[in-house]
Amino acid sequence: MKLKDLETYKLSMEIGDKVYSIAKEMDYFNKDKLSKQWVRATGSISLNISECFGRYSYKDQRTFYYYSRGSLNEIVTCLQKARKRELISDDEYNLLLNDHNTLGIKLDNFINSVNKLINQ
């Protein structure tokens, strides 16, 4: 399997593109205070999945999946802040939250499968 075919990678890239589109439209203050961090955290997910994909040790792979999951939690917080500050609509919030939740499930499944391989 190639990295570009991995569902977690594709979904993380899609989320990254959506967040970037929203963030680039924010005014300077909100870009500086929230959107920069949101974009960095979102990018971190796909970057860590990429790094994980090149690792040959299951323990190394798991570590980078954990990093990705941590970044996912960070961007959910950014998403909540963006909604509370009225920087995104309810519809945008709900669509992105659904994407985040889907990716979270997929990452957890990956982590669980790697844990099984480590414990064999």
Protein backbone atom coordinates (compact mmCIF):
# COMPACT_ATOMS: atom_id res chain seq x y z
CA MET A 1 0.00 0.00 0.00
CA LYS A 2 1.16 3.51 -0.79
CA LEU A 3 0.88 6.40 1.65
CA LYS A 4 -1.45 8.33 -0.65
CA ASP A 5 -3.90 5.38 -0.54
CA LEU A 6 -4.07 5.26 3.26
CA GLU A 7 -7.50 6.46 4.44
CA THR A 8 -6.19 8.19 7.55
CA TYR A 9 -3.68 10.09 5.44
CA LYS A 10 -6.25 11.13 2.82
CA LEU A 11 -8.73 12.28 5.44
CA SER A 12 -6.07 14.21 7.35
CA MET A 13 -5.08 15.97 4.11
CA GLU A 14 -8.72 16.84 3.37
CA ILE A 15 -9.20 18.26 6.86
CA GLY A 16 -5.98 20.23 6.48
CA ASP A 17 -7.22 21.77 3.22
CA LYS A 18 -10.57 22.71 4.79
CA VAL A 19 -8.95 24.30 7.83
CA TYR A 20 -6.47 26.20 5.66
CA SER A 21 -9.31 27.60 3.52
CA ILE A 22 -11.09 28.84 6.62
CA ALA A 23 -7.95 30.18 8.30
CA LYS A 24 -6.73 32.19 5.31
CA GLU A 25 -9.98 34.20 5.35
CA MET A 26 -9.60 35.29 8.98
CA ASP A 27 -8.51 38.79 9.88
CA TYR A 28 -4.96 39.37 11.09
CA PHE A 29 -5.77 39.25 14.80
CA ASN A 30 -7.55 35.91 14.57
CA LYS A 31 -4.92 34.50 12.22
CA ASP A 32 -2.23 35.41 14.70
CA LYS A 33 -4.09 34.16 17.77
CA LEU A 34 -5.88 31.03 16.56
CA SER A 35 -5.61 30.08 12.92
CA LYS A 36 -1.82 29.71 12.79
CA GLN A 37 -1.95 27.16 15.59
CA TRP A 38 -4.96 25.44 14.05
CA VAL A 39 -3.24 25.09 10.67
CA ARG A 40 0.01 23.84 12.28
CA ALA A 41 -1.81 21.25 14.38
CA THR A 42 -3.83 20.07 11.40
CA GLY A 43 -0.70 19.75 9.30
CA SER A 44 0.97 17.81 12.07
CA ILE A 45 -1.54 14.98 11.70
CA SER A 46 -0.70 14.16 8.08
CA LEU A 47 3.00 14.79 8.65
CA ASN A 48 3.12 12.32 11.54
CA ILE A 49 1.16 9.74 9.56
CA SER A 50 3.69 10.17 6.75
CA GLU A 51 6.58 9.72 9.14
CA CYS A 52 4.91 6.70 10.71
CA PHE A 53 4.37 5.12 7.31
CA GLY A 54 8.13 5.07 6.74
CA ARG A 55 8.91 3.34 10.05
CA TYR A 56 9.55 -0.38 10.17
CA SER A 57 9.15 -0.94 13.90
CA TYR A 58 5.59 -1.27 15.16
CA LYS A 59 6.54 0.62 18.32
CA ASP A 60 7.89 3.52 16.23
CA GLN A 61 4.72 3.50 14.15
CA ARG A 62 2.53 3.57 17.23
CA THR A 63 4.43 6.56 18.61
CA PHE A 64 3.69 8.62 15.51
CA TYR A 65 0.03 7.57 15.53
CA TYR A 66 -0.11 8.80 19.12
CA TYR A 67 1.37 12.12 18.00
CA SER A 68 -1.26 12.33 15.27
CA ARG A 69 -4.04 11.62 17.75
CA GLY A 70 -2.69 14.30 20.10
CA SER A 71 -2.73 16.84 17.27
CA LEU A 72 -6.27 15.76 16.41
CA ASN A 73 -7.35 16.58 19.97
CA GLU A 74 -5.62 19.95 19.65
CA ILE A 75 -7.49 20.84 16.47
CA VAL A 76 -10.83 19.88 18.01
CA THR A 77 -10.08 22.48 20.69
CA CYS A 78 -9.21 25.02 17.98
CA LEU A 79 -12.45 24.16 16.21
CA GLN A 80 -14.43 24.74 19.41
CA LYS A 81 -12.71 28.08 19.96
CA ALA A 82 -13.39 29.14 16.36
CA ARG A 83 -17.09 28.38 16.79
CA LYS A 84 -17.36 30.05 20.20
CA ARG A 85 -15.69 33.18 18.78
CA GLU A 86 -18.09 33.10 15.81
CA LEU A 87 -15.28 32.67 13.29
CA ILE A 88 -17.08 29.75 11.65
CA SER A 89 -20.74 28.89 11.17
CA ASP A 90 -22.62 26.08 12.87
CA ASP A 91 -22.63 24.18 9.57
CA GLU A 92 -18.85 24.50 9.16
CA TYR A 93 -18.38 23.46 12.78
CA ASN A 94 -20.58 20.38 12.43
CA LEU A 95 -18.99 19.28 9.14
CA LEU A 96 -15.46 19.66 10.49
CA LEU A 97 -16.34 18.00 13.79
CA ASN A 98 -17.75 15.04 11.88
CA ASP A 99 -14.50 14.80 9.85
CA HIS A 100 -12.45 15.02 13.05
CA ASN A 101 -14.52 12.32 14.73
CA THR A 102 -14.19 10.02 11.71
CA LEU A 103 -10.44 10.50 11.62
CA GLY A 104 -10.25 9.90 15.38
CA ILE A 105 -11.98 6.54 14.99
CA LYS A 106 -9.65 5.57 12.14
CA LEU A 107 -6.56 6.59 14.13
CA ASP A 108 -7.76 4.63 17.17
CA ASN A 109 -8.30 1.59 14.96
CA PHE A 110 -4.77 1.90 13.60
CA ILE A 111 -3.34 2.24 17.08
CA ASN A 112 -5.30 -0.81 18.28
CA SER A 113 -4.12 -2.91 15.33
CA VAL A 114 -0.50 -1.88 15.90
CA ASN A 115 -0.86 -2.68 19.62
CA LYS A 116 -2.07 -6.18 18.70
CA LEU A 117 0.97 -6.66 16.46
CA ILE A 118 3.30 -5.48 19.22
CA ASN A 119 1.73 -7.86 21.74
CA GLN A 120 1.99 -10.93 19.50
